[in-house]
Amino acid sequence: MSVIFFLVIVGIIVAGGFLVAFVWSVKSGQYDDTYSPAVRMLFDDTKIVSSTEQEGEKPEKDNKKKPEK
């Protein structure tokens, strides 16, 4: 029976810790901007250009033949 009381007390302490962490994150502004993270991936379309493409050369392709079936 004493184990049950111990587990209840530990559970209340853990739940209180999560509550304190949640209140701290809300007060620090963690959840202020809810719009831009949802649309950030829509505007992330920059193309990465290699140094050979910048000089006007086309990158060499691998000329290995595919195995025939």
C-alpha atoms as a PDB file:
ATOM      1  CA  MET A   1       0.000   0.000   0.000  1.00  0.00           C
ATOM      2  CA  SER A   2       2.892   2.357   0.701  1.00  0.00           C
ATOM      3  CA  VAL A   3       4.164   1.804  -2.858  1.00  0.00           C
ATOM      4  CA  ILE A   4       0.897   3.191  -4.239  1.00  0.00           C
ATOM      5  CA  PHE A   5       1.256   6.362  -2.161  1.00  0.00           C
ATOM      6  CA  PHE A   6       4.864   6.698  -3.288  1.00  0.00           C
ATOM      7  CA  LEU A   7       3.889   6.329  -6.975  1.00  0.00           C
ATOM      8  CA  VAL A   8       1.050   8.840  -6.626  1.00  0.00           C
ATOM      9  CA  ILE A   9       3.394  11.395  -5.075  1.00  0.00           C
ATOM     10  CA  VAL A  10       6.037  10.816  -7.754  1.00  0.00           C
ATOM     11  CA  GLY A  11       3.354  11.127 -10.456  1.00  0.00           C
ATOM     12  CA  ILE A  12       2.145  14.434  -9.028  1.00  0.00           C
ATOM     13  CA  ILE A  13       5.715  15.754  -8.911  1.00  0.00           C
ATOM     14  CA  VAL A  14       6.362  14.741 -12.527  1.00  0.00           C
ATOM     15  CA  ALA A  15       3.054  16.242 -13.696  1.00  0.00           C
ATOM     16  CA  GLY A  16       3.863  19.454 -11.812  1.00  0.00           C
ATOM     17  CA  GLY A  17       7.242  19.588 -13.539  1.00  0.00           C
ATOM     18  CA  PHE A  18       5.604  19.302 -16.948  1.00  0.00           C
ATOM     19  CA  LEU A  19       3.093  22.001 -15.996  1.00  0.00           C
ATOM     20  CA  VAL A  20       5.881  24.347 -14.920  1.00  0.00           C
ATOM     21  CA  ALA A  21       7.793  23.668 -18.156  1.00  0.00           C
ATOM     22  CA  PHE A  22       4.672  24.367 -20.227  1.00  0.00           C
ATOM     23  CA  VAL A  23       3.893  27.633 -18.426  1.00  0.00           C
ATOM     24  CA  TRP A  24       7.536  28.707 -18.788  1.00  0.00           C
ATOM     25  CA  SER A  25       7.507  27.994 -22.543  1.00  0.00           C
ATOM     26  CA  VAL A  26       4.261  29.919 -23.057  1.00  0.00           C
ATOM     27  CA  LYS A  27       5.574  32.926 -21.125  1.00  0.00           C
ATOM     28  CA  SER A  28       8.875  32.900 -23.032  1.00  0.00           C
ATOM     29  CA  GLY A  29       7.036  33.180 -26.371  1.00  0.00           C
ATOM     30  CA  GLN A  30       7.492  29.660 -27.688  1.00  0.00           C
ATOM     31  CA  TYR A  31       3.970  29.551 -29.155  1.00  0.00           C
ATOM     32  CA  ASP A  32       3.622  33.158 -30.364  1.00  0.00           C
ATOM     33  CA  ASP A  33       4.005  32.573 -34.104  1.00  0.00           C
ATOM     34  CA  THR A  34       1.664  29.840 -35.268  1.00  0.00           C
ATOM     35  CA  TYR A  35       1.351  30.868 -38.932  1.00  0.00           C
ATOM     36  CA  SER A  36       4.840  31.067 -40.431  1.00  0.00           C
ATOM     37  CA  PRO A  37       6.111  27.569 -39.519  1.00  0.00           C
ATOM     38  CA  ALA A  38       3.207  26.099 -41.489  1.00  0.00           C
ATOM     39  CA  VAL A  39       4.023  28.037 -44.670  1.00  0.00           C
ATOM     40  CA  ARG A  40       7.822  28.238 -44.341  1.00  0.00           C
ATOM     41  CA  MET A  41       8.339  25.197 -46.548  1.00  0.00           C
ATOM     42  CA  LEU A  42       6.326  26.817 -49.347  1.00  0.00           C
ATOM     43  CA  PHE A  43       8.879  29.614 -49.672  1.00  0.00           C
ATOM     44  CA  ASP A  44      11.980  27.425 -49.368  1.00  0.00           C
ATOM     45  CA  ASP A  45      12.646  26.941 -53.074  1.00  0.00           C
ATOM     46  CA  THR A  46      16.128  28.342 -53.545  1.00  0.00           C
ATOM     47  CA  LYS A  47      18.219  26.359 -55.990  1.00  0.00           C
ATOM     48  CA  ILE A  48      21.702  25.319 -54.978  1.00  0.00           C
ATOM     49  CA  VAL A  49      24.139  25.972 -57.811  1.00  0.00           C
ATOM     50  CA  SER A  50      27.450  24.139 -57.942  1.00  0.00           C
ATOM     51  CA  SER A  51      30.695  25.921 -58.763  1.00  0.00           C
ATOM     52  CA  THR A  52      30.905  24.290 -62.226  1.00  0.00           C
ATOM     53  CA  GLU A  53      27.405  25.449 -63.124  1.00  0.00           C
ATOM     54  CA  GLN A  54      28.291  28.990 -62.084  1.00  0.00           C
ATOM     55  CA  GLU A  55      31.204  29.008 -64.552  1.00  0.00           C
ATOM     56  CA  GLY A  56      28.930  27.898 -67.383  1.00  0.00           C
ATOM     57  CA  GLU A  57      30.119  24.307 -67.569  1.00  0.00           C
ATOM     58  CA  LYS A  58      27.730  21.430 -67.371  1.00  0.00           C
ATOM     59  CA  PRO A  59      28.527  18.865 -64.688  1.00  0.00           C
ATOM     60  CA  GLU A  60      29.796  15.555 -66.031  1.00  0.00           C
ATOM     61  CA  LYS A  61      27.334  12.724 -65.866  1.00  0.00           C
ATOM     62  CA  ASP A  62      28.231   9.221 -64.870  1.00  0.00           C
ATOM     63  CA  ASN A  63      28.541   7.210 -68.093  1.00  0.00           C
ATOM     64  CA  LYS A  64      28.160   3.788 -66.530  1.00  0.00           C
ATOM     65  CA  LYS A  65      25.869   1.473 -68.412  1.00  0.00           C
ATOM     66  CA  LYS A  66      22.884   0.055 -66.651  1.00  0.00           C
ATOM     67  CA  PRO A  67      22.877  -3.719 -66.373  1.00  0.00           C
ATOM     68  CA  GLU A  68      20.642  -5.346 -68.947  1.00  0.00           C
ATOM     69  CA  LYS A  69      17.989  -7.779 -67.843  1.00  0.00           C
END
